[in-house]
Each structure stands twice: as C-alpha cells, then as structure tokens.
N, C-alpha and C. Protein backbone atom coordinates (compact mmCIF):
# COMPACT_ATOMS: atom_id res chain seq x y z
N MET A 1 104.81 74.85 83.05
CA MET A 1 105.15 75.63 84.43
C MET A 1 103.65 75.55 85.52
N LYS A 2 103.82 74.79 86.34
CA LYS A 2 102.84 74.35 87.66
C LYS A 2 102.74 75.47 88.69
N HIS A 3 101.08 76.04 88.41
CA HIS A 3 101.05 76.93 89.42
C HIS A 3 100.61 76.72 90.65
N GLY A 4 100.61 77.78 91.66
CA GLY A 4 100.11 76.95 93.25
C GLY A 4 98.51 77.60 93.11
N LYS A 5 97.45 77.05 94.14
CA LYS A 5 96.26 76.99 94.15
C LYS A 5 95.54 78.42 94.02
N LYS A 6 96.54 79.68 95.21
CA LYS A 6 96.02 80.68 94.94
C LYS A 6 96.35 81.56 93.35
N TYR A 7 97.34 81.32 92.67
CA TYR A 7 97.25 81.89 91.25
C TYR A 7 96.23 81.30 90.38
N VAL A 8 96.39 79.71 90.32
CA VAL A 8 94.98 79.48 89.79
C VAL A 8 93.63 79.67 90.20
N ASP A 9 93.16 80.31 91.44
CA ASP A 9 92.07 80.50 91.66
C ASP A 9 92.14 82.19 91.11
N SER A 10 92.98 82.98 91.17
CA SER A 10 93.55 83.93 90.65
C SER A 10 93.37 84.27 89.25
N ALA A 11 93.65 83.59 88.68
CA ALA A 11 93.61 83.61 87.26
C ALA A 11 91.94 83.36 86.37
N LYS A 12 91.21 82.57 86.96
CA LYS A 12 89.77 82.10 86.98
C LYS A 12 89.09 83.60 86.76
N GLN A 13 89.37 84.64 87.42
CA GLN A 13 88.60 85.87 87.75
C GLN A 13 88.91 86.61 86.19
N ILE A 14 90.03 86.34 85.29
CA ILE A 14 90.27 86.76 84.34
C ILE A 14 90.27 86.31 83.06
N ASP A 15 89.62 86.70 82.21
CA ASP A 15 89.20 86.30 80.75
C ASP A 15 90.41 86.45 79.74
N ARG A 16 91.21 85.17 79.88
CA ARG A 16 92.49 85.68 79.13
C ARG A 16 92.52 85.66 77.59
N SER A 17 91.52 86.07 77.26
CA SER A 17 90.87 85.99 75.45
C SER A 17 90.36 87.59 75.07
N LYS A 18 90.48 88.12 76.69
CA LYS A 18 90.00 89.51 76.21
C LYS A 18 90.86 90.42 76.79
N PHE A 19 90.97 92.13 75.95
CA PHE A 19 91.96 93.10 76.42
C PHE A 19 91.15 94.05 77.36
N TYR A 20 91.43 94.04 78.39
CA TYR A 20 90.41 95.26 79.24
C TYR A 20 91.64 96.72 78.57
N GLU A 21 90.24 97.86 79.28
CA GLU A 21 90.92 98.94 79.92
C GLU A 21 91.84 99.32 80.67
N PRO A 22 92.44 99.41 80.77
CA PRO A 22 93.60 100.23 81.74
C PRO A 22 93.14 100.10 83.24
N ALA A 23 92.10 101.08 83.56
CA ALA A 23 91.64 101.14 84.50
C ALA A 23 91.02 99.64 84.98
N GLU A 24 90.21 99.00 84.43
CA GLU A 24 89.79 97.69 84.83
C GLU A 24 90.66 96.71 84.91
N ALA A 25 91.90 96.51 84.03
CA ALA A 25 92.50 95.70 84.20
C ALA A 25 93.65 95.71 85.69
N LEU A 26 94.28 97.04 85.61
CA LEU A 26 94.64 97.73 87.03
C LEU A 26 94.10 97.27 88.52
N ASP A 27 92.41 97.34 87.90
CA ASP A 27 91.54 96.67 89.10
C ASP A 27 91.61 95.29 89.60
N LEU A 28 91.67 94.79 88.62
CA LEU A 28 91.84 93.03 88.42
C LEU A 28 93.30 92.63 89.28
N ALA A 29 93.65 93.39 88.60
CA ALA A 29 95.67 92.82 89.33
C ALA A 29 95.69 92.69 90.88
N VAL A 30 94.78 94.32 91.37
CA VAL A 30 94.92 94.74 92.46
C VAL A 30 93.89 93.57 93.35
N LYS A 31 92.62 93.15 92.63
CA LYS A 31 92.13 92.06 93.78
C LYS A 31 92.07 91.12 93.19
N THR A 32 92.82 90.40 92.55
CA THR A 32 93.58 89.11 92.29
C THR A 32 95.09 89.08 93.20
N ALA A 33 95.53 90.00 93.56
CA ALA A 33 96.55 90.20 94.62
C ALA A 33 96.64 89.16 95.50
N THR A 34 96.91 88.06 96.14
CA THR A 34 96.98 86.88 97.08
C THR A 34 98.19 87.14 98.21
N ALA A 35 99.22 87.95 97.30
CA ALA A 35 100.82 87.40 98.47
C ALA A 35 100.53 88.21 99.87
N LYS A 36 101.10 87.62 101.09
CA LYS A 36 100.78 88.38 102.43
C LYS A 36 101.79 89.61 102.29
N PHE A 37 102.87 90.18 101.54
CA PHE A 37 103.31 91.44 101.63
C PHE A 37 102.50 92.45 100.27
N ASP A 38 103.16 93.23 100.23
CA ASP A 38 102.94 94.35 99.56
C ASP A 38 103.14 94.20 98.05
N GLU A 39 102.66 93.44 97.46
CA GLU A 39 103.20 93.19 95.57
C GLU A 39 103.22 94.43 94.96
N THR A 40 104.40 94.38 94.26
CA THR A 40 104.50 94.91 92.92
C THR A 40 103.69 95.16 91.85
N VAL A 41 103.09 96.28 91.31
CA VAL A 41 102.30 96.07 89.82
C VAL A 41 102.95 96.36 88.87
N GLU A 42 103.36 95.58 87.72
CA GLU A 42 104.60 95.74 86.95
C GLU A 42 103.71 95.64 85.63
N LEU A 43 104.31 96.62 85.10
CA LEU A 43 103.81 96.67 83.38
C LEU A 43 105.02 96.05 82.37
N HIS A 44 104.56 95.21 81.33
CA HIS A 44 105.46 94.32 80.36
C HIS A 44 104.39 95.45 79.31
N VAL A 45 105.22 95.87 78.72
CA VAL A 45 105.47 96.28 77.32
C VAL A 45 106.17 95.82 75.79
N LYS A 46 105.36 94.82 74.98
CA LYS A 46 106.22 94.53 74.09
C LYS A 46 106.29 95.62 72.53
N LEU A 47 107.90 96.14 72.04
CA LEU A 47 107.24 97.39 71.11
C LEU A 47 108.00 96.52 70.12
N GLY A 48 107.74 97.18 68.93
CA GLY A 48 107.74 96.99 67.33
C GLY A 48 109.08 97.52 66.90
N VAL A 49 110.43 97.76 67.79
CA VAL A 49 111.58 97.97 67.44
C VAL A 49 112.64 96.61 67.32
N ASP A 50 113.68 97.06 66.65
CA ASP A 50 115.16 95.70 67.16
C ASP A 50 115.85 96.74 67.74
N GLY A 51 115.98 96.25 68.82
CA GLY A 51 117.40 97.28 69.89
C GLY A 51 118.53 97.04 69.58
N ARG A 52 118.69 96.20 68.63
CA ARG A 52 120.12 95.71 68.31
C ARG A 52 120.53 96.93 67.51
N HIS A 53 119.62 97.57 66.42
CA HIS A 53 120.27 98.93 65.54
C HIS A 53 120.20 100.17 67.11
N ALA A 54 121.11 101.24 66.68
CA ALA A 54 121.21 102.46 68.02
C ALA A 54 119.92 103.10 67.57
N ASP A 55 119.72 103.25 66.37
CA ASP A 55 118.23 104.28 65.98
C ASP A 55 116.87 103.47 66.50
N GLN A 56 117.06 102.56 66.97
CA GLN A 56 115.63 101.63 67.61
C GLN A 56 115.55 101.68 68.91
N GLN A 57 116.73 102.47 69.64
CA GLN A 57 116.84 101.80 71.07
C GLN A 57 115.44 102.99 71.81
N VAL A 58 114.96 102.01 72.61
CA VAL A 58 114.34 102.97 73.94
C VAL A 58 114.55 102.85 75.09
N ARG A 59 114.89 103.82 75.69
CA ARG A 59 115.55 104.00 77.09
C ARG A 59 115.08 105.94 77.58
N GLY A 60 115.02 105.71 78.81
CA GLY A 60 114.50 106.73 79.07
C GLY A 60 114.33 106.64 81.11
N ALA A 61 114.09 108.21 81.40
CA ALA A 61 113.73 108.26 82.92
C ALA A 61 112.63 108.69 83.14
N LEU A 62 111.52 108.72 84.17
CA LEU A 62 110.67 109.84 84.31
C LEU A 62 110.30 109.63 85.82
N VAL A 63 109.61 110.49 86.22
CA VAL A 63 108.94 110.40 87.92
C VAL A 63 107.64 110.32 87.38
N LEU A 64 107.22 109.23 88.33
CA LEU A 64 105.93 109.12 88.43
C LEU A 64 104.87 109.76 89.21
N PRO A 65 104.06 109.98 88.25
CA PRO A 65 103.05 111.34 89.21
C PRO A 65 102.81 110.48 91.45
N ASN A 66 102.76 109.19 90.90
CA ASN A 66 102.60 109.02 92.38
C ASN A 66 103.48 108.07 93.36
N GLY A 67 105.09 108.54 92.55
CA GLY A 67 106.05 107.47 93.08
C GLY A 67 105.89 105.98 92.74
N THR A 68 106.99 105.08 93.44
CA THR A 68 106.79 104.15 93.29
C THR A 68 106.56 103.08 94.13
N GLY A 69 106.64 103.32 95.37
CA GLY A 69 106.01 102.65 96.88
C GLY A 69 107.50 101.84 97.16
N LYS A 70 108.75 102.18 96.61
CA LYS A 70 110.05 101.52 97.23
C LYS A 70 110.31 102.25 98.45
N GLN A 71 110.50 101.77 99.28
CA GLN A 71 111.35 102.07 100.88
C GLN A 71 112.69 102.61 100.49
N VAL A 72 112.97 103.63 100.53
CA VAL A 72 114.52 103.96 100.45
C VAL A 72 114.70 104.93 102.09
N ARG A 73 116.15 104.39 101.63
CA ARG A 73 116.61 104.90 103.27
C ARG A 73 117.16 106.09 102.68
N VAL A 74 116.94 107.14 103.14
CA VAL A 74 117.34 108.51 103.36
C VAL A 74 118.28 109.12 103.94
N LEU A 75 119.63 109.73 103.37
CA LEU A 75 120.26 110.67 104.04
C LEU A 75 120.41 111.84 103.73
N ALA A 76 120.28 112.56 104.78
CA ALA A 76 120.09 114.03 104.48
C ALA A 76 121.05 114.92 105.18
N ILE A 77 121.90 115.53 104.14
CA ILE A 77 122.99 115.93 104.80
C ILE A 77 122.74 117.71 104.46
N CYS A 78 122.90 118.03 105.88
CA CYS A 78 122.23 119.41 106.36
C CYS A 78 122.55 120.13 107.42
N LYS A 79 121.90 121.27 107.81
CA LYS A 79 122.16 121.72 108.96
C LYS A 79 121.14 122.92 109.91
N GLY A 80 121.29 122.76 111.18
CA GLY A 80 120.12 123.82 111.69
C GLY A 80 118.42 123.41 111.33
N ASP A 81 117.92 124.58 110.83
CA ASP A 81 116.82 123.91 110.80
C ASP A 81 116.12 123.21 109.75
N ALA A 82 116.95 122.66 109.12
CA ALA A 82 117.09 121.82 107.80
C ALA A 82 117.15 120.84 108.00
N ALA A 83 118.02 120.47 108.87
CA ALA A 83 118.33 118.90 109.76
C ALA A 83 117.32 118.76 110.45
N LYS A 84 116.71 119.40 111.22
CA LYS A 84 115.44 119.33 112.10
C LYS A 84 114.09 118.91 111.51
N GLU A 85 114.22 119.66 109.90
CA GLU A 85 112.91 119.25 108.75
C GLU A 85 113.35 117.82 108.89
N ALA A 86 114.17 117.71 107.96
CA ALA A 86 114.44 116.07 107.71
C ALA A 86 114.34 115.66 108.30
N GLU A 87 114.25 115.47 109.68
CA GLU A 87 114.22 114.41 110.73
C GLU A 87 112.89 113.87 110.94
N GLU A 88 111.94 115.39 110.64
CA GLU A 88 110.73 115.15 110.54
C GLU A 88 109.99 114.66 109.68
N ALA A 89 110.70 114.86 108.55
CA ALA A 89 110.18 114.47 106.92
C ALA A 89 110.51 112.99 107.40
N GLY A 90 111.32 112.31 107.85
CA GLY A 90 111.45 110.71 107.99
C GLY A 90 112.42 110.48 107.69
N ALA A 91 113.94 111.06 107.16
CA ALA A 91 114.85 110.75 107.11
C ALA A 91 115.81 109.57 107.64
N GLU A 92 116.45 108.77 107.91
CA GLU A 92 116.90 107.64 108.02
C GLU A 92 118.01 108.39 109.11
N PHE A 93 118.92 108.66 107.62
CA PHE A 93 120.20 109.81 108.77
C PHE A 93 120.22 110.93 108.31
N VAL A 94 120.81 111.66 109.37
CA VAL A 94 120.76 112.65 109.23
C VAL A 94 122.18 114.04 109.57
N GLY A 95 122.68 114.65 108.72
CA GLY A 95 123.84 115.22 109.44
C GLY A 95 124.43 116.15 108.56
N ALA A 96 126.04 116.40 108.88
CA ALA A 96 126.78 117.49 107.80
C ALA A 96 128.18 116.76 107.73
N GLU A 97 129.05 117.62 108.25
CA GLU A 97 130.23 117.39 107.65
C GLU A 97 130.83 115.93 108.51
N ASP A 98 129.99 115.53 109.46
CA ASP A 98 130.00 113.97 110.21
C ASP A 98 130.12 112.82 109.20
N MET A 99 129.11 113.36 108.54
CA MET A 99 128.28 112.20 107.43
C MET A 99 129.24 112.15 106.32
N THR A 100 129.43 113.14 105.54
CA THR A 100 130.82 113.40 104.71
C THR A 100 131.92 112.55 104.93
N GLN A 101 132.30 112.92 106.07
CA GLN A 101 133.68 112.20 106.51
C GLN A 101 133.59 110.45 106.86
N LYS A 102 132.44 110.14 107.47
CA LYS A 102 131.94 108.74 107.40
C LYS A 102 131.85 108.27 106.44
N ILE A 103 131.62 109.31 104.99
CA ILE A 103 131.71 107.72 103.63
C ILE A 103 132.75 108.25 102.63
N GLN A 104 133.41 109.06 103.05
CA GLN A 104 135.23 109.07 102.55
C GLN A 104 136.66 108.69 103.64
N GLN A 105 136.13 108.75 104.77
CA GLN A 105 137.07 107.45 105.66
C GLN A 105 136.56 106.28 105.98
N GLU A 106 135.55 106.36 106.02
CA GLU A 106 134.87 104.32 106.47
C GLU A 106 134.39 103.97 105.25
N GLY A 107 134.26 104.20 103.87
CA GLY A 107 133.68 104.01 103.24
C GLY A 107 132.03 103.29 102.91
N TRP A 108 131.63 104.13 103.92
CA TRP A 108 129.78 103.79 104.33
C TRP A 108 128.68 104.14 103.44
N LEU A 109 128.22 103.39 102.95
CA LEU A 109 127.50 103.60 102.18
C LEU A 109 125.93 102.80 102.18
N ASP A 110 125.63 102.59 103.44
CA ASP A 110 123.98 102.44 103.81
C ASP A 110 122.88 103.11 103.74
N PHE A 111 122.44 103.55 102.55
CA PHE A 111 121.44 104.09 102.51
C PHE A 111 121.39 104.32 100.51
N ASP A 112 119.94 105.06 100.10
CA ASP A 112 119.41 104.66 98.97
C ASP A 112 119.70 105.81 98.22
N VAL A 113 119.32 107.56 99.01
CA VAL A 113 119.04 108.27 98.40
C VAL A 113 119.63 109.25 99.25
N VAL A 114 120.53 110.27 98.41
CA VAL A 114 121.07 111.38 99.60
C VAL A 114 120.28 112.75 98.92
N VAL A 115 120.33 113.53 99.91
CA VAL A 115 119.45 114.84 99.91
C VAL A 115 120.49 115.92 100.42
N THR A 116 119.79 116.95 100.06
CA THR A 116 121.23 118.12 100.77
C THR A 116 120.17 119.30 100.86
N THR A 117 120.97 120.56 100.88
CA THR A 117 120.37 122.55 100.72
C THR A 117 122.28 122.65 100.13
N PRO A 118 121.14 123.64 99.69
CA PRO A 118 122.53 124.81 98.13
C PRO A 118 123.63 125.22 99.32
N ASP A 119 123.58 125.18 100.69
CA ASP A 119 124.82 125.84 101.46
C ASP A 119 125.44 124.55 101.84
N MET A 120 124.73 123.70 101.67
CA MET A 120 125.88 121.54 101.86
C MET A 120 126.67 121.47 100.17
N MET A 121 126.01 121.79 99.11
CA MET A 121 126.36 121.64 97.97
C MET A 121 128.19 121.36 97.94
N GLY A 122 128.50 122.39 98.48
CA GLY A 122 130.10 122.39 97.83
C GLY A 122 130.41 121.27 98.96
N THR A 123 130.22 120.72 100.00
CA THR A 123 130.70 119.99 100.57
C THR A 123 130.49 118.81 100.17
N VAL A 124 129.06 118.55 99.93
CA VAL A 124 128.70 117.12 99.33
C VAL A 124 129.21 116.95 97.59
N GLY A 125 129.53 117.91 97.35
CA GLY A 125 130.14 117.75 95.78
C GLY A 125 131.71 117.02 96.10
N ARG A 126 132.57 117.10 97.01
CA ARG A 126 133.36 115.95 96.85
C ARG A 126 133.28 115.17 97.11
N LEU A 127 132.16 114.46 97.73
CA LEU A 127 131.71 112.84 97.93
C LEU A 127 131.64 112.70 95.81
N GLY A 128 131.74 113.51 94.84
CA GLY A 128 131.05 112.97 93.71
C GLY A 128 132.00 111.67 93.35
N LYS A 129 133.20 111.01 93.63
CA LYS A 129 134.05 110.20 92.97
C LYS A 129 133.39 109.23 93.87
N ILE A 130 132.65 109.12 94.57
CA ILE A 130 132.45 107.91 95.28
C ILE A 130 130.72 107.65 95.45
N LEU A 131 129.94 108.95 95.14
CA LEU A 131 128.51 108.73 94.94
C LEU A 131 127.89 108.40 93.75
N GLY A 132 128.65 109.32 93.17
CA GLY A 132 128.37 109.78 91.38
C GLY A 132 128.47 108.45 90.69
N PRO A 133 129.27 107.31 90.75
CA PRO A 133 129.32 106.13 89.98
C PRO A 133 128.36 105.11 90.74
N ARG A 134 127.60 105.52 91.72
CA ARG A 134 126.51 104.54 92.86
C ARG A 134 125.87 105.39 92.52
N GLY A 135 125.16 106.66 91.75
CA GLY A 135 123.81 107.08 91.33
C GLY A 135 123.34 107.44 92.84
N LEU A 136 124.34 107.48 93.56
CA LEU A 136 124.02 107.89 95.18
C LEU A 136 124.03 109.54 94.88
N MET A 137 124.33 110.40 94.08
CA MET A 137 124.43 112.00 94.67
C MET A 137 122.84 112.43 94.04
N PRO A 138 123.18 113.58 95.25
CA PRO A 138 121.27 114.26 95.90
C PRO A 138 120.45 114.01 94.36
N ASN A 139 119.66 113.80 94.38
CA ASN A 139 118.35 113.99 93.82
C ASN A 139 116.78 113.85 94.15
N PRO A 140 116.25 115.20 93.77
CA PRO A 140 115.06 115.20 94.89
C PRO A 140 114.30 114.01 94.49
N LYS A 141 113.77 113.33 92.97
CA LYS A 141 113.11 112.83 92.60
C LYS A 141 113.07 110.88 92.59
N ALA A 142 112.47 111.15 93.95
CA ALA A 142 112.78 109.96 94.90
C ALA A 142 111.59 108.90 93.95
N GLY A 143 110.51 109.33 93.31
CA GLY A 143 110.04 108.42 92.33
C GLY A 143 110.46 108.24 91.01
N LYS A 144 111.16 108.57 90.69
CA LYS A 144 111.56 108.25 89.25
C LYS A 144 112.23 106.72 89.30
N ILE A 145 111.75 106.36 87.84
CA ILE A 145 112.06 105.15 87.27
C ILE A 145 112.90 105.40 85.80
N GLU A 146 113.67 104.25 85.67
CA GLU A 146 114.42 104.68 84.13
C GLU A 146 113.54 102.84 83.54
N TYR A 147 113.73 103.11 82.60
CA TYR A 147 112.89 101.81 81.31
C TYR A 147 114.20 102.16 80.15
N ARG A 148 114.34 100.82 79.69
CA ARG A 148 115.05 100.36 78.64
C ARG A 148 114.50 99.07 77.96
N LEU A 149 114.28 98.70 77.07
CA LEU A 149 114.69 97.34 76.62
C LEU A 149 115.34 96.33 76.54
N ASP A 150 114.79 95.01 76.97
CA ASP A 150 115.66 94.29 77.11
C ASP A 150 115.81 93.02 75.55
N LYS A 151 116.42 92.57 75.65
CA LYS A 151 116.87 91.67 74.48
C LYS A 151 115.77 91.00 73.57
N SER A 152 114.35 91.07 74.50
CA SER A 152 113.10 90.59 73.50
C SER A 152 112.53 92.05 72.80
N ASN A 153 113.24 93.23 73.16
CA ASN A 153 112.00 94.37 72.75
C ASN A 153 111.14 94.76 73.63
N ILE A 154 111.36 94.16 75.32
CA ILE A 154 110.19 94.32 76.38
C ILE A 154 110.91 95.30 76.97
N ILE A 155 109.52 95.92 77.55
CA ILE A 155 109.91 97.34 78.21
C ILE A 155 109.17 96.84 79.86
N HIS A 156 110.20 96.18 80.94
CA HIS A 156 109.51 95.62 82.14
C HIS A 156 109.94 97.39 83.53
N CYS A 157 108.76 97.63 84.09
CA CYS A 157 108.80 98.96 84.51
C CYS A 157 107.53 98.22 85.93
N GLY A 158 108.17 98.52 86.97
CA GLY A 158 107.40 98.62 88.57
C GLY A 158 106.61 99.96 88.31
N ILE A 159 105.15 100.15 88.35
CA ILE A 159 104.42 101.07 88.72
C ILE A 159 103.89 101.23 89.50
N GLY A 160 104.18 100.60 90.69
CA GLY A 160 103.97 101.45 92.10
C GLY A 160 103.32 100.01 93.20
N ARG A 161 102.38 99.52 93.95
CA ARG A 161 102.34 98.66 94.51
C ARG A 161 100.62 98.56 95.03
N VAL A 162 100.29 97.47 95.19
CA VAL A 162 99.17 96.88 95.20
C VAL A 162 98.24 97.46 95.97
N SER A 163 99.32 98.81 97.72
CA SER A 163 98.24 99.46 97.80
C SER A 163 98.03 100.70 97.78
N PHE A 164 98.18 100.77 96.21
CA PHE A 164 98.15 102.04 95.68
C PHE A 164 96.98 102.42 95.91
N GLY A 165 96.79 101.02 95.30
CA GLY A 165 95.19 101.24 94.21
C GLY A 165 94.80 101.50 93.15
N THR A 166 93.18 101.46 92.67
CA THR A 166 93.43 101.40 90.92
C THR A 166 93.56 102.79 90.69
N GLU A 167 92.96 103.63 91.16
CA GLU A 167 93.01 105.59 90.27
C GLU A 167 94.87 105.95 90.59
N LYS A 168 95.50 105.30 91.62
CA LYS A 168 97.04 105.89 91.72
C LYS A 168 97.84 105.04 90.54
N LEU A 169 97.44 103.46 90.59
CA LEU A 169 98.07 103.01 89.85
C LEU A 169 97.65 102.99 88.34
N THR A 170 96.40 103.78 87.88
CA THR A 170 96.25 104.39 86.71
C THR A 170 96.64 105.21 86.00
N GLU A 171 97.02 106.27 87.29
CA GLU A 171 97.94 107.55 86.94
C GLU A 171 99.35 107.00 86.39
N ASN A 172 99.90 106.25 87.57
CA ASN A 172 101.61 106.06 87.07
C ASN A 172 101.40 104.77 85.30
N PHE A 173 100.35 104.35 85.18
CA PHE A 173 100.18 103.77 84.05
C PHE A 173 100.43 105.09 82.96
N ASP A 174 99.54 105.47 82.78
CA ASP A 174 99.00 106.81 81.66
C ASP A 174 100.31 107.64 81.52
N ALA A 175 101.47 107.78 82.57
CA ALA A 175 102.77 108.53 82.17
C ALA A 175 103.40 107.90 82.04
N LEU A 176 103.55 106.42 82.48
CA LEU A 176 104.52 105.33 81.70
C LEU A 176 104.42 105.51 80.05
N MET A 177 103.30 105.10 79.61
CA MET A 177 102.87 104.46 78.72
C MET A 177 102.86 105.90 77.90
N ASP A 178 102.47 106.76 77.85
CA ASP A 178 102.86 108.58 77.52
C ASP A 178 104.16 108.45 76.83
N ALA A 179 105.24 108.09 78.20
CA ALA A 179 106.44 108.44 77.73
C ALA A 179 107.18 107.49 76.68
N LEU A 180 106.71 105.88 76.75
CA LEU A 180 106.89 105.20 76.03
C LEU A 180 106.49 105.51 74.48
N VAL A 181 105.42 106.49 73.91
CA VAL A 181 104.68 106.73 72.81
C VAL A 181 105.19 108.08 72.61
N LYS A 182 105.81 108.21 73.51
CA LYS A 182 106.60 109.65 72.83
C LYS A 182 108.31 109.45 72.80
N ALA A 183 108.67 108.72 73.09
CA ALA A 183 110.01 107.78 72.71
C ALA A 183 110.07 106.88 71.72
N LYS A 184 109.17 106.99 70.70
CA LYS A 184 109.01 105.92 69.50
C LYS A 184 110.30 106.48 68.96
N PRO A 185 111.03 105.57 68.54
CA PRO A 185 111.94 105.85 67.41
C PRO A 185 111.59 106.36 66.14
N ALA A 186 112.28 107.07 65.00
CA ALA A 186 111.66 107.53 64.03
C ALA A 186 111.98 106.15 63.12
N ALA A 187 112.52 105.40 63.43
CA ALA A 187 113.04 104.42 62.34
C ALA A 187 112.32 102.85 62.47
N ALA A 188 111.15 102.96 63.73
CA ALA A 188 110.59 101.54 64.02
C ALA A 188 109.27 101.70 62.93
N LYS A 189 109.65 100.80 62.59
CA LYS A 189 108.50 100.27 61.15
C LYS A 189 107.55 99.25 61.83
N GLY A 190 105.79 99.70 61.43
CA GLY A 190 104.70 99.16 61.37
C GLY A 190 104.07 99.43 62.83
N GLN A 191 103.34 98.45 63.46
CA GLN A 191 102.92 98.90 65.10
C GLN A 191 103.72 98.69 65.77
N TYR A 192 103.84 99.70 66.92
CA TYR A 192 104.96 100.03 67.83
C TYR A 192 104.46 99.43 68.95
N ILE A 193 103.69 99.55 69.35
CA ILE A 193 103.13 99.06 70.97
C ILE A 193 102.18 97.47 70.61
N ARG A 194 102.82 96.72 70.60
CA ARG A 194 102.98 95.31 69.83
C ARG A 194 102.21 94.60 71.09
N SER A 195 102.38 94.94 72.62
CA SER A 195 101.21 94.30 73.36
C SER A 195 101.53 94.90 74.99
N CYS A 196 100.45 94.69 75.75
CA CYS A 196 100.80 95.59 76.82
C CYS A 196 100.07 94.83 78.03
N VAL A 197 100.80 94.09 79.03
CA VAL A 197 100.49 93.44 79.95
C VAL A 197 100.93 94.19 81.70
N VAL A 198 99.52 94.13 82.33
CA VAL A 198 100.14 94.12 83.60
C VAL A 198 99.73 93.23 84.79
N ALA A 199 100.74 93.19 85.76
CA ALA A 199 100.73 91.55 86.34
C ALA A 199 101.10 92.19 87.87
N THR A 200 100.75 91.73 88.88
CA THR A 200 101.45 92.26 90.41
C THR A 200 102.69 90.79 90.55
N THR A 201 103.49 90.91 91.32
CA THR A 201 104.63 90.13 91.50
C THR A 201 104.25 88.26 91.12
N MET A 202 103.91 88.14 91.62
CA MET A 202 102.95 86.99 92.74
C MET A 202 101.77 86.65 91.28
N GLY A 203 101.13 87.46 90.68
CA GLY A 203 99.90 87.59 90.41
C GLY A 203 100.03 87.46 88.44
N PRO A 204 98.60 86.48 88.03
CA PRO A 204 98.31 86.19 86.41
C PRO A 204 98.49 87.79 85.63
N GLY A 205 99.16 87.50 84.60
CA GLY A 205 98.45 88.77 83.70
C GLY A 205 97.54 88.82 83.01
N VAL A 206 97.30 90.55 83.25
CA VAL A 206 95.79 90.99 82.64
C VAL A 206 96.33 91.73 81.39
N ARG A 207 95.65 91.76 80.01
CA ARG A 207 95.78 91.88 78.66
C ARG A 207 95.27 93.50 78.73
N ILE A 208 95.96 94.61 77.87
CA ILE A 208 95.12 95.61 77.68
C ILE A 208 95.76 95.69 75.65
N SER A 209 94.48 96.41 75.59
CA SER A 209 94.73 95.94 74.06
C SER A 209 95.89 97.39 73.34
N PRO A 210 96.30 96.98 72.37
CA PRO A 210 97.96 97.74 72.44
C PRO A 210 97.57 98.15 71.54
N SER A 211 96.08 98.35 70.17
CA SER A 211 95.59 99.11 69.43
C SER A 211 95.24 100.77 70.29
N ARG A 212 94.78 100.60 71.34
CA ARG A 212 94.31 102.11 72.22
C ARG A 212 95.17 103.07 72.44
N PHE A 213 96.61 102.48 71.83
CA PHE A 213 97.61 103.81 71.95
C PHE A 213 97.49 104.41 70.67
N GLY A 214 96.92 104.08 69.58
CA GLY A 214 97.64 104.25 68.46
C GLY A 214 98.70 104.80 67.70
N VAL A 215 99.54 103.99 67.93
CA VAL A 215 100.98 103.95 67.55
C VAL A 215 101.35 102.04 67.26
C-alpha cells in the first residue's frame, strides 16, 4: 500500500521497532496527526482468545472518563425550567408532547440521543417500540462506547479526538484497557493481550508493549 507524503513524514517520527509507554505513544499520535479535521484516536488490541467459542467472547460497554468527542444531536423531552436548562446546555431539539407526537406520527428520527426528566418518562415510554430497537431510548451516558471482538479477535475502539490532548486520551486509554483486562474470559489460555496499537484516523500506528498489562 502506497502512503502519501504527510503519512510518510509522520511515520519517520515513530520508531517501528520500539514499544512505547501509553502516554508517550498517544503524545506521538497527537503530534503526527496532519489531517485538517479533528481526527479520532483509535485503539486496536489483539487478544489471545478464539471468538468462535462462546466462552471466549469479549464484549462490553463503558463510559470513558473524558467522553468520545463525537458530536451528537440531542433531543430533550421535558417541560418548564428543565426545557430552559436543556436549551442552555446545547440540546438541538427541545419539547414535550409535541416531540413525541412528531416521532409517532411522522416517523421523525433526526437525532442521536434522547434525554428526559422523570415526570416525562411515562410519555417517552410509549415510544419504546420505535426508539428501543434503534438504541435511542433515553441514556444519560453520552460518552459510552461498546467494544467487541472482530473476526480476527481484535478490539477496535475510538478513545477520543486529537483535540483532547495526551492527558485526557491517556485517561480514556487506561479506562478501556482496564475494562478489557477485567473482561478476560476464564477459558482464555496463554498471553491475553497479544498486541496493542494506537493510531489516528489518517496516521501511522504506534505500538505499546502488551507485557505491561500483565495478562
């Protein structure tokens, strides 16, 4: 695969034969990001399991300490002071029964997250059959990510944006790696963390020593 000049120049700053400490690796990933947009920082972890067996599956979800940086369109279903607070907090759409009717009657779904207040849960609950299958039922955890094995027994997850900076990215990295270590199946044999690489959307990978995780 042929890479562009920016990628090649970025890759020259990374020692491909070296394993870096997480903070150092993430700092390099941030410094070598050259795209004009705010690139996602991705974590790729190869696990010593066989996902074809049910007792060796690794999957779960967690809320990253610093969120994901993903821009979401928030629908706030609430009234009165709560509606005013939602508008001030940056919710894109705010309303009550008018919003639930729009969803039910018009099939309107141009939002990513729904938040509501306890007094409106009865009204929102009637939307369960529409919102539930799409994963849009009210969830306060906007920085939540899900992880699962792919067919090659690798976990791929975004842990934030380049704009987060090294410190926040390292905190997110530590939280996800801690979750993966705790999720180790009892049936897993041998070394569990086989490889660990961080990279930005358009940048080269930076290796982190798998042995530092002790599994």
